[in-house]
Amino acid sequence: MIAFYMISFFKNLFSPRKSDPVPIVDRLTYAIGDIHGRADLLTRMIDKIREDSYAYQEKPRVVLLGDYVDRGPASDKVIETILKLKNEIWCDLEVLMGNHEMSLINFLEDPESGSTWVQHGGGTTLMNYGVQAPPLRSDAEAWIEARDQFGNNLPRAHLEAICAMKLIIYGGDYVFVHAGVKPGVPLDDQDAMTLLWIRAEFLSATKACNYVVVHGHTPTPEPFNSTWRIGVDTGAYATGVLTCVRLHKETRQFIHVT
């Protein structure tokens, strides 16, 4: 009897473990990384996705992972492109909010946050909508005036689109967020600050949750691809490379435009 248990013990010890099941997405999905004012790259990516999706004979879901404004040259045109894409019938569009969209909203609510926003690229967005950022961080009156002018110049449709952006989207074994998730915390309990801003704690986790997390926010020279995390922010505004990942059943494929 002892010999039997010893044999069983060593058999279990040295036998290969069953691998985790391969994650599967619920439908053909394209998730696009941070755009940051590069309306030209977004247009090229949309055209490429549309052409690519024809081979699957399935209406694709297109997920935008946030950070459409700031840094790049044409934030207003990016938002306009998103509005037009919502009316297209060839795809189902899902639009996530990024931390830069939240900073825009914060500025409209609190003009004192404007100088911080500008330090992180918000000045180009202000200029896109015909507003010059005040030169002095401490000039509260000038920031109030800039906020009021920005609020007047920002088309209502653009503001409504930004305010309607989602924080999290699910698709089969995948979850889509802008920045990431806090490891060990149920997804229903994740707060907006985490989903929009988290970095180190999420990026260092082997498996942050029971879904494959698809995200942007943290730029890398090449897209990141592991079993439980996919990062598709390749710094489009600076590198001129916009990336998306195509998910179909068990497969993943990265697509780039320049």
C-alpha atoms as a PDB file:
ATOM      1  CA  MET A   1       0.000   0.000   0.000  1.00  0.00           C
ATOM      2  CA  ILE A   2       2.796   2.386   0.906  1.00  0.00           C
ATOM      3  CA  ALA A   3       4.528   1.597  -2.363  1.00  0.00           C
ATOM      4  CA  PHE A   4       1.291   2.393  -4.263  1.00  0.00           C
ATOM      5  CA  TYR A   5       0.982   5.826  -2.651  1.00  0.00           C
ATOM      6  CA  MET A   6       4.668   6.540  -3.267  1.00  0.00           C
ATOM      7  CA  ILE A   7       4.264   5.668  -6.956  1.00  0.00           C
ATOM      8  CA  SER A   8       1.157   7.871  -7.173  1.00  0.00           C
ATOM      9  CA  PHE A   9       2.941  10.738  -5.418  1.00  0.00           C
ATOM     10  CA  PHE A  10       5.927  10.716  -7.759  1.00  0.00           C
ATOM     11  CA  LYS A  11       3.687  10.241 -10.788  1.00  0.00           C
ATOM     12  CA  ASN A  12       1.738  13.376  -9.847  1.00  0.00           C
ATOM     13  CA  LEU A  13       4.901  15.250  -8.956  1.00  0.00           C
ATOM     14  CA  PHE A  14       6.667  14.699 -12.255  1.00  0.00           C
ATOM     15  CA  SER A  15       3.729  14.475 -14.640  1.00  0.00           C
ATOM     16  CA  PRO A  16       3.179  17.627 -16.751  1.00  0.00           C
ATOM     17  CA  ARG A  17       0.403  19.846 -15.440  1.00  0.00           C
ATOM     18  CA  LYS A  18      -2.584  20.532 -17.580  1.00  0.00           C
ATOM     19  CA  SER A  19      -2.205  23.946 -19.137  1.00  0.00           C
ATOM     20  CA  ASP A  20      -4.824  26.628 -18.735  1.00  0.00           C
ATOM     21  CA  PRO A  21      -7.462  26.558 -21.468  1.00  0.00           C
ATOM     22  CA  VAL A  22      -6.721  28.832 -24.403  1.00  0.00           C
ATOM     23  CA  PRO A  23      -8.631  32.129 -24.004  1.00  0.00           C
ATOM     24  CA  ILE A  24     -11.375  32.618 -26.571  1.00  0.00           C
ATOM     25  CA  VAL A  25     -12.991  35.884 -27.632  1.00  0.00           C
ATOM     26  CA  ASP A  26     -16.757  35.877 -28.138  1.00  0.00           C
ATOM     27  CA  ARG A  27     -16.657  37.422 -31.633  1.00  0.00           C
ATOM     28  CA  LEU A  28     -14.289  38.932 -34.177  1.00  0.00           C
ATOM     29  CA  THR A  29     -12.767  41.938 -32.393  1.00  0.00           C
ATOM     30  CA  TYR A  30     -10.235  44.631 -33.225  1.00  0.00           C
ATOM     31  CA  ALA A  31      -8.844  46.666 -30.296  1.00  0.00           C
ATOM     32  CA  ILE A  32      -6.984  49.873 -31.178  1.00  0.00           C
ATOM     33  CA  GLY A  33      -4.364  51.464 -28.916  1.00  0.00           C
ATOM     34  CA  ASP A  34      -3.870  55.093 -27.878  1.00  0.00           C
ATOM     35  CA  ILE A  35      -4.406  57.533 -30.756  1.00  0.00           C
ATOM     36  CA  HIS A  36      -3.528  60.904 -29.153  1.00  0.00           C
ATOM     37  CA  GLY A  37      -4.570  63.287 -31.880  1.00  0.00           C
ATOM     38  CA  ARG A  38      -3.359  61.207 -34.825  1.00  0.00           C
ATOM     39  CA  ALA A  39      -6.557  61.316 -36.859  1.00  0.00           C
ATOM     40  CA  ASP A  40      -4.583  60.387 -39.963  1.00  0.00           C
ATOM     41  CA  LEU A  41      -3.445  57.096 -38.426  1.00  0.00           C
ATOM     42  CA  LEU A  42      -6.909  56.341 -37.073  1.00  0.00           C
ATOM     43  CA  THR A  43      -8.411  56.758 -40.539  1.00  0.00           C
ATOM     44  CA  ARG A  44      -5.810  54.413 -42.026  1.00  0.00           C
ATOM     45  CA  MET A  45      -6.401  51.862 -39.286  1.00  0.00           C
ATOM     46  CA  ILE A  46     -10.168  51.911 -39.773  1.00  0.00           C
ATOM     47  CA  ASP A  47      -9.711  51.357 -43.511  1.00  0.00           C
ATOM     48  CA  LYS A  48      -7.303  48.493 -42.847  1.00  0.00           C
ATOM     49  CA  ILE A  49      -9.619  46.845 -40.313  1.00  0.00           C
ATOM     50  CA  ARG A  50     -12.573  47.105 -42.639  1.00  0.00           C
ATOM     51  CA  GLU A  51     -10.633  45.428 -45.435  1.00  0.00           C
ATOM     52  CA  ASP A  52      -9.189  42.787 -43.091  1.00  0.00           C
ATOM     53  CA  SER A  53     -12.578  41.872 -41.636  1.00  0.00           C
ATOM     54  CA  TYR A  54     -14.061  40.933 -45.017  1.00  0.00           C
ATOM     55  CA  ALA A  55     -12.202  37.620 -44.962  1.00  0.00           C
ATOM     56  CA  TYR A  56     -14.106  36.496 -41.857  1.00  0.00           C
ATOM     57  CA  GLN A  57     -17.613  37.128 -43.196  1.00  0.00           C
ATOM     58  CA  GLU A  58     -18.570  38.360 -39.743  1.00  0.00           C
ATOM     59  CA  LYS A  59     -19.499  41.819 -38.509  1.00  0.00           C
ATOM     60  CA  PRO A  60     -16.552  42.894 -36.364  1.00  0.00           C
ATOM     61  CA  ARG A  61     -16.518  44.670 -33.050  1.00  0.00           C
ATOM     62  CA  VAL A  62     -14.070  47.581 -32.993  1.00  0.00           C
ATOM     63  CA  VAL A  63     -12.875  48.627 -29.534  1.00  0.00           C
ATOM     64  CA  LEU A  64     -11.121  51.961 -29.039  1.00  0.00           C
ATOM     65  CA  LEU A  65      -9.019  51.766 -25.872  1.00  0.00           C
ATOM     66  CA  GLY A  66      -8.985  55.463 -24.944  1.00  0.00           C
ATOM     67  CA  ASP A  67      -6.681  58.504 -25.125  1.00  0.00           C
ATOM     68  CA  TYR A  68      -7.952  60.109 -28.314  1.00  0.00           C
ATOM     69  CA  VAL A  69      -7.013  63.666 -27.347  1.00  0.00           C
ATOM     70  CA  ASP A  70      -3.824  65.540 -26.390  1.00  0.00           C
ATOM     71  CA  ARG A  71      -0.215  65.486 -27.587  1.00  0.00           C
ATOM     72  CA  GLY A  72      -0.908  64.817 -31.282  1.00  0.00           C
ATOM     73  CA  PRO A  73      -1.948  67.451 -33.823  1.00  0.00           C
ATOM     74  CA  ALA A  74      -5.678  66.813 -34.387  1.00  0.00           C
ATOM     75  CA  SER A  75      -7.673  65.784 -31.317  1.00  0.00           C
ATOM     76  CA  ASP A  76     -10.825  67.403 -32.669  1.00  0.00           C
ATOM     77  CA  LYS A  77     -10.604  65.396 -35.889  1.00  0.00           C
ATOM     78  CA  VAL A  78     -10.124  62.172 -33.925  1.00  0.00           C
ATOM     79  CA  ILE A  79     -13.371  62.768 -32.029  1.00  0.00           C
ATOM     80  CA  GLU A  80     -15.121  63.658 -35.276  1.00  0.00           C
ATOM     81  CA  THR A  81     -13.850  60.429 -36.855  1.00  0.00           C
ATOM     82  CA  ILE A  82     -15.189  58.436 -33.902  1.00  0.00           C
ATOM     83  CA  LEU A  83     -18.598  60.078 -34.290  1.00  0.00           C
ATOM     84  CA  LYS A  84     -18.676  59.152 -37.972  1.00  0.00           C
ATOM     85  CA  LEU A  85     -17.600  55.579 -37.240  1.00  0.00           C
ATOM     86  CA  LYS A  86     -20.497  55.187 -34.815  1.00  0.00           C
ATOM     87  CA  ASN A  87     -22.857  55.638 -37.748  1.00  0.00           C
ATOM     88  CA  GLU A  88     -21.148  53.023 -39.913  1.00  0.00           C
ATOM     89  CA  ILE A  89     -23.046  49.753 -40.336  1.00  0.00           C
ATOM     90  CA  TRP A  90     -20.105  47.460 -41.137  1.00  0.00           C
ATOM     91  CA  CYS A  91     -18.912  47.271 -37.501  1.00  0.00           C
ATOM     92  CA  ASP A  92     -20.101  47.584 -33.917  1.00  0.00           C
ATOM     93  CA  LEU A  93     -18.093  50.305 -32.173  1.00  0.00           C
ATOM     94  CA  GLU A  94     -17.177  50.299 -28.477  1.00  0.00           C
ATOM     95  CA  VAL A  95     -15.437  53.414 -27.140  1.00  0.00           C
ATOM     96  CA  LEU A  96     -13.499  53.372 -23.877  1.00  0.00           C
ATOM     97  CA  MET A  97     -12.471  56.451 -21.933  1.00  0.00           C
ATOM     98  CA  GLY A  98      -8.799  57.180 -21.332  1.00  0.00           C
ATOM     99  CA  ASN A  99      -7.186  59.237 -18.605  1.00  0.00           C
ATOM    100  CA  HIS A 100      -6.708  62.111 -21.061  1.00  0.00           C
ATOM    101  CA  GLU A 101     -10.439  62.302 -21.771  1.00  0.00           C
ATOM    102  CA  MET A 102     -11.011  62.344 -18.014  1.00  0.00           C
ATOM    103  CA  SER A 103      -8.518  65.208 -17.708  1.00  0.00           C
ATOM    104  CA  LEU A 104     -10.485  67.134 -20.333  1.00  0.00           C
ATOM    105  CA  ILE A 105     -13.692  66.636 -18.354  1.00  0.00           C
ATOM    106  CA  ASN A 106     -11.921  67.634 -15.142  1.00  0.00           C
ATOM    107  CA  PHE A 107     -10.789  70.892 -16.753  1.00  0.00           C
ATOM    108  CA  LEU A 108     -14.351  71.765 -17.714  1.00  0.00           C
ATOM    109  CA  GLU A 109     -15.424  71.148 -14.119  1.00  0.00           C
ATOM    110  CA  ASP A 110     -12.378  72.691 -12.431  1.00  0.00           C
ATOM    111  CA  PRO A 111     -10.270  75.196 -14.401  1.00  0.00           C
ATOM    112  CA  GLU A 112      -7.531  74.994 -11.756  1.00  0.00           C
ATOM    113  CA  SER A 113      -6.664  71.569 -13.158  1.00  0.00           C
ATOM    114  CA  GLY A 114      -5.875  73.113 -16.534  1.00  0.00           C
ATOM    115  CA  SER A 115      -2.180  73.724 -15.966  1.00  0.00           C
ATOM    116  CA  THR A 116      -1.622  70.084 -15.003  1.00  0.00           C
ATOM    117  CA  TRP A 117      -3.591  68.938 -18.035  1.00  0.00           C
ATOM    118  CA  VAL A 118      -1.484  71.136 -20.310  1.00  0.00           C
ATOM    119  CA  GLN A 119       1.701  69.657 -18.837  1.00  0.00           C
ATOM    120  CA  HIS A 120       0.464  66.251 -20.004  1.00  0.00           C
ATOM    121  CA  GLY A 121      -0.364  67.329 -23.545  1.00  0.00           C
ATOM    122  CA  GLY A 122      -3.670  69.151 -23.154  1.00  0.00           C
ATOM    123  CA  GLY A 123      -2.351  72.315 -24.764  1.00  0.00           C
ATOM    124  CA  THR A 124      -2.656  70.835 -28.245  1.00  0.00           C
ATOM    125  CA  THR A 125      -6.284  69.918 -27.591  1.00  0.00           C
ATOM    126  CA  LEU A 126      -7.038  73.457 -26.451  1.00  0.00           C
ATOM    127  CA  MET A 127      -5.437  74.802 -29.626  1.00  0.00           C
ATOM    128  CA  ASN A 128      -7.450  72.366 -31.766  1.00  0.00           C
ATOM    129  CA  TYR A 129     -10.575  74.010 -30.385  1.00  0.00           C
ATOM    130  CA  GLY A 130      -9.271  77.545 -30.778  1.00  0.00           C
ATOM    131  CA  VAL A 131      -8.079  78.198 -27.218  1.00  0.00           C
ATOM    132  CA  GLN A 132      -4.630  79.369 -26.139  1.00  0.00           C
ATOM    133  CA  ALA A 133      -3.438  77.951 -22.812  1.00  0.00           C
ATOM    134  CA  PRO A 134      -2.546  80.692 -20.290  1.00  0.00           C
ATOM    135  CA  PRO A 135       1.229  81.093 -19.888  1.00  0.00           C
ATOM    136  CA  LEU A 136       1.140  81.246 -16.086  1.00  0.00           C
ATOM    137  CA  ARG A 137       0.147  78.254 -13.974  1.00  0.00           C
ATOM    138  CA  SER A 138      -0.949  80.502 -11.125  1.00  0.00           C
ATOM    139  CA  ASP A 139      -3.188  82.849 -13.142  1.00  0.00           C
ATOM    140  CA  ALA A 140      -6.532  81.510 -11.890  1.00  0.00           C
ATOM    141  CA  GLU A 141      -8.590  84.133 -13.705  1.00  0.00           C
ATOM    142  CA  ALA A 142      -6.922  83.333 -17.031  1.00  0.00           C
ATOM    143  CA  TRP A 143      -7.610  79.620 -16.569  1.00  0.00           C
ATOM    144  CA  ILE A 144     -11.266  80.295 -15.846  1.00  0.00           C
ATOM    145  CA  GLU A 145     -11.465  82.359 -19.025  1.00  0.00           C
ATOM    146  CA  ALA A 146      -9.738  79.577 -21.001  1.00  0.00           C
ATOM    147  CA  ARG A 147     -12.135  77.008 -19.577  1.00  0.00           C
ATOM    148  CA  ASP A 148     -15.150  79.104 -20.522  1.00  0.00           C
ATOM    149  CA  GLN A 149     -13.837  79.631 -24.043  1.00  0.00           C
ATOM    150  CA  PHE A 150     -13.077  75.927 -24.418  1.00  0.00           C
ATOM    151  CA  GLY A 151     -16.547  75.011 -23.186  1.00  0.00           C
ATOM    152  CA  ASN A 152     -18.086  77.345 -25.750  1.00  0.00           C
ATOM    153  CA  ASN A 153     -15.929  76.083 -28.625  1.00  0.00           C
ATOM    154  CA  LEU A 154     -16.238  72.365 -27.880  1.00  0.00           C
ATOM    155  CA  PRO A 155     -19.109  71.012 -30.007  1.00  0.00           C
ATOM    156  CA  ARG A 156     -21.894  69.547 -27.927  1.00  0.00           C
ATOM    157  CA  ALA A 157     -21.674  66.296 -29.881  1.00  0.00           C
ATOM    158  CA  HIS A 158     -17.983  65.987 -28.982  1.00  0.00           C
ATOM    159  CA  LEU A 159     -18.653  66.545 -25.280  1.00  0.00           C
ATOM    160  CA  GLU A 160     -21.545  64.095 -25.241  1.00  0.00           C
ATOM    161  CA  ALA A 161     -19.411  61.477 -26.986  1.00  0.00           C
ATOM    162  CA  ILE A 162     -16.617  61.885 -24.442  1.00  0.00           C
ATOM    163  CA  CYS A 163     -18.961  61.744 -21.453  1.00  0.00           C
ATOM    164  CA  ALA A 164     -20.613  58.587 -22.842  1.00  0.00           C
ATOM    165  CA  MET A 165     -17.343  56.652 -23.087  1.00  0.00           C
ATOM    166  CA  LYS A 166     -17.190  53.409 -21.121  1.00  0.00           C
ATOM    167  CA  LEU A 167     -14.645  52.272 -18.548  1.00  0.00           C
ATOM    168  CA  ILE A 168     -14.676  48.516 -19.195  1.00  0.00           C
ATOM    169  CA  ILE A 169     -15.951  46.080 -21.841  1.00  0.00           C
ATOM    170  CA  TYR A 170     -16.132  42.279 -21.745  1.00  0.00           C
ATOM    171  CA  GLY A 171     -15.828  39.849 -24.636  1.00  0.00           C
ATOM    172  CA  GLY A 172     -15.649  36.136 -23.919  1.00  0.00           C
ATOM    173  CA  ASP A 173     -12.440  35.438 -21.979  1.00  0.00           C
ATOM    174  CA  TYR A 174     -11.235  38.997 -22.628  1.00  0.00           C
ATOM    175  CA  VAL A 175     -11.750  42.294 -20.843  1.00  0.00           C
ATOM    176  CA  PHE A 176     -10.915  45.658 -22.409  1.00  0.00           C
ATOM    177  CA  VAL A 177      -9.840  48.680 -20.330  1.00  0.00           C
ATOM    178  CA  HIS A 178      -7.694  51.736 -20.892  1.00  0.00           C
ATOM    179  CA  ALA A 179      -4.867  51.307 -18.386  1.00  0.00           C
ATOM    180  CA  GLY A 180      -5.346  47.991 -16.591  1.00  0.00           C
ATOM    181  CA  VAL A 181      -6.891  46.501 -13.470  1.00  0.00           C
ATOM    182  CA  LYS A 182      -5.821  46.168  -9.866  1.00  0.00           C
ATOM    183  CA  PRO A 183      -4.716  42.580  -9.235  1.00  0.00           C
ATOM    184  CA  GLY A 184      -6.830  40.625  -6.777  1.00  0.00           C
ATOM    185  CA  VAL A 185      -9.761  43.060  -6.801  1.00  0.00           C
ATOM    186  CA  PRO A 186     -13.055  41.881  -8.372  1.00  0.00           C
ATOM    187  CA  LEU A 187     -13.623  43.695 -11.651  1.00  0.00           C
ATOM    188  CA  ASP A 188     -16.987  44.997 -10.472  1.00  0.00           C
ATOM    189  CA  ASP A 189     -15.167  46.715  -7.583  1.00  0.00           C
ATOM    190  CA  GLN A 190     -12.485  48.450  -9.671  1.00  0.00           C
ATOM    191  CA  ASP A 191     -12.711  52.239  -9.503  1.00  0.00           C
ATOM    192  CA  ALA A 192     -12.332  54.665 -12.393  1.00  0.00           C
ATOM    193  CA  MET A 193      -8.964  55.947 -11.178  1.00  0.00           C
ATOM    194  CA  THR A 194      -7.544  52.432 -11.365  1.00  0.00           C
ATOM    195  CA  LEU A 195      -8.984  51.595 -14.774  1.00  0.00           C
ATOM    196  CA  LEU A 196      -7.725  54.884 -16.233  1.00  0.00           C
ATOM    197  CA  TRP A 197      -4.349  55.333 -14.541  1.00  0.00           C
ATOM    198  CA  ILE A 198      -2.853  52.128 -13.096  1.00  0.00           C
ATOM    199  CA  ARG A 199       0.592  51.058 -14.263  1.00  0.00           C
ATOM    200  CA  ALA A 200       3.262  49.316 -12.169  1.00  0.00           C
ATOM    201  CA  GLU A 201       1.069  47.129  -9.974  1.00  0.00           C
ATOM    202  CA  PHE A 202      -0.860  45.863 -12.985  1.00  0.00           C
ATOM    203  CA  LEU A 203       2.059  45.550 -15.386  1.00  0.00           C
ATOM    204  CA  SER A 204       4.134  43.519 -12.919  1.00  0.00           C
ATOM    205  CA  ALA A 205       1.357  40.987 -12.276  1.00  0.00           C
ATOM    206  CA  THR A 206       1.561  37.667 -14.121  1.00  0.00           C
ATOM    207  CA  LYS A 207      -2.214  37.350 -14.027  1.00  0.00           C
ATOM    208  CA  ALA A 208      -4.214  40.321 -12.766  1.00  0.00           C
ATOM    209  CA  CYS A 209      -7.644  38.673 -13.076  1.00  0.00           C
ATOM    210  CA  ASN A 210      -9.426  35.725 -14.661  1.00  0.00           C
ATOM    211  CA  TYR A 211      -9.675  37.481 -18.019  1.00  0.00           C
ATOM    212  CA  VAL A 212      -7.107  38.416 -20.625  1.00  0.00           C
ATOM    213  CA  VAL A 213      -6.707  42.170 -20.131  1.00  0.00           C
ATOM    214  CA  VAL A 214      -6.397  44.175 -23.357  1.00  0.00           C
ATOM    215  CA  HIS A 215      -5.195  47.715 -22.669  1.00  0.00           C
ATOM    216  CA  GLY A 216      -3.326  50.792 -23.831  1.00  0.00           C
ATOM    217  CA  HIS A 217      -1.989  53.659 -21.649  1.00  0.00           C
ATOM    218  CA  THR A 218       1.605  52.436 -21.278  1.00  0.00           C
ATOM    219  CA  PRO A 219       3.550  52.890 -24.533  1.00  0.00           C
ATOM    220  CA  THR A 220       6.041  50.250 -25.622  1.00  0.00           C
ATOM    221  CA  PRO A 221       8.130  49.995 -28.817  1.00  0.00           C
ATOM    222  CA  GLU A 222       6.334  46.767 -29.712  1.00  0.00           C
ATOM    223  CA  PRO A 223       2.922  45.510 -28.585  1.00  0.00           C
ATOM    224  CA  PHE A 224       3.024  43.331 -25.470  1.00  0.00           C
ATOM    225  CA  ASN A 225       1.563  39.850 -25.740  1.00  0.00           C
ATOM    226  CA  SER A 226       1.354  37.308 -22.921  1.00  0.00           C
ATOM    227  CA  THR A 227      -1.261  34.723 -22.016  1.00  0.00           C
ATOM    228  CA  TRP A 228      -3.146  37.082 -19.698  1.00  0.00           C
ATOM    229  CA  ARG A 229      -2.230  40.566 -20.955  1.00  0.00           C
ATOM    230  CA  ILE A 230      -2.118  42.361 -24.306  1.00  0.00           C
ATOM    231  CA  GLY A 231      -0.805  45.936 -24.538  1.00  0.00           C
ATOM    232  CA  VAL A 232      -1.293  47.826 -27.800  1.00  0.00           C
ATOM    233  CA  ASP A 233      -0.083  51.377 -27.089  1.00  0.00           C
ATOM    234  CA  THR A 234       2.900  51.896 -29.370  1.00  0.00           C
ATOM    235  CA  GLY A 235       3.080  55.661 -28.813  1.00  0.00           C
ATOM    236  CA  ALA A 236       1.406  56.694 -32.067  1.00  0.00           C
ATOM    237  CA  TYR A 237       1.746  60.447 -31.498  1.00  0.00           C
ATOM    238  CA  ALA A 238       5.540  60.143 -31.132  1.00  0.00           C
ATOM    239  CA  THR A 239       6.440  57.057 -33.182  1.00  0.00           C
ATOM    240  CA  GLY A 240       3.960  57.407 -36.016  1.00  0.00           C
ATOM    241  CA  VAL A 241       2.888  53.789 -35.477  1.00  0.00           C
ATOM    242  CA  LEU A 242      -0.692  52.968 -34.449  1.00  0.00           C
ATOM    243  CA  THR A 243      -1.362  49.384 -33.400  1.00  0.00           C
ATOM    244  CA  CYS A 244      -4.401  47.195 -32.941  1.00  0.00           C
ATOM    245  CA  VAL A 245      -4.879  43.540 -32.088  1.00  0.00           C
ATOM    246  CA  ARG A 246      -7.265  41.311 -34.007  1.00  0.00           C
ATOM    247  CA  LEU A 247      -8.903  38.650 -31.838  1.00  0.00           C
ATOM    248  CA  HIS A 248     -10.717  35.778 -33.505  1.00  0.00           C
ATOM    249  CA  LYS A 249     -11.651  32.655 -31.558  1.00  0.00           C
ATOM    250  CA  GLU A 250      -8.312  31.518 -30.022  1.00  0.00           C
ATOM    251  CA  THR A 251      -6.068  33.598 -32.297  1.00  0.00           C
ATOM    252  CA  ARG A 252      -4.353  36.970 -31.890  1.00  0.00           C
ATOM    253  CA  GLN A 253      -2.751  39.045 -34.613  1.00  0.00           C
ATOM    254  CA  PHE A 254      -1.283  42.546 -34.413  1.00  0.00           C
ATOM    255  CA  ILE A 255      -1.958  45.100 -37.129  1.00  0.00           C
ATOM    256  CA  HIS A 256       0.049  48.316 -37.573  1.00  0.00           C
ATOM    257  CA  VAL A 257      -0.364  51.450 -39.662  1.00  0.00           C
ATOM    258  CA  THR A 258       2.108  54.273 -40.204  1.00  0.00           C
END
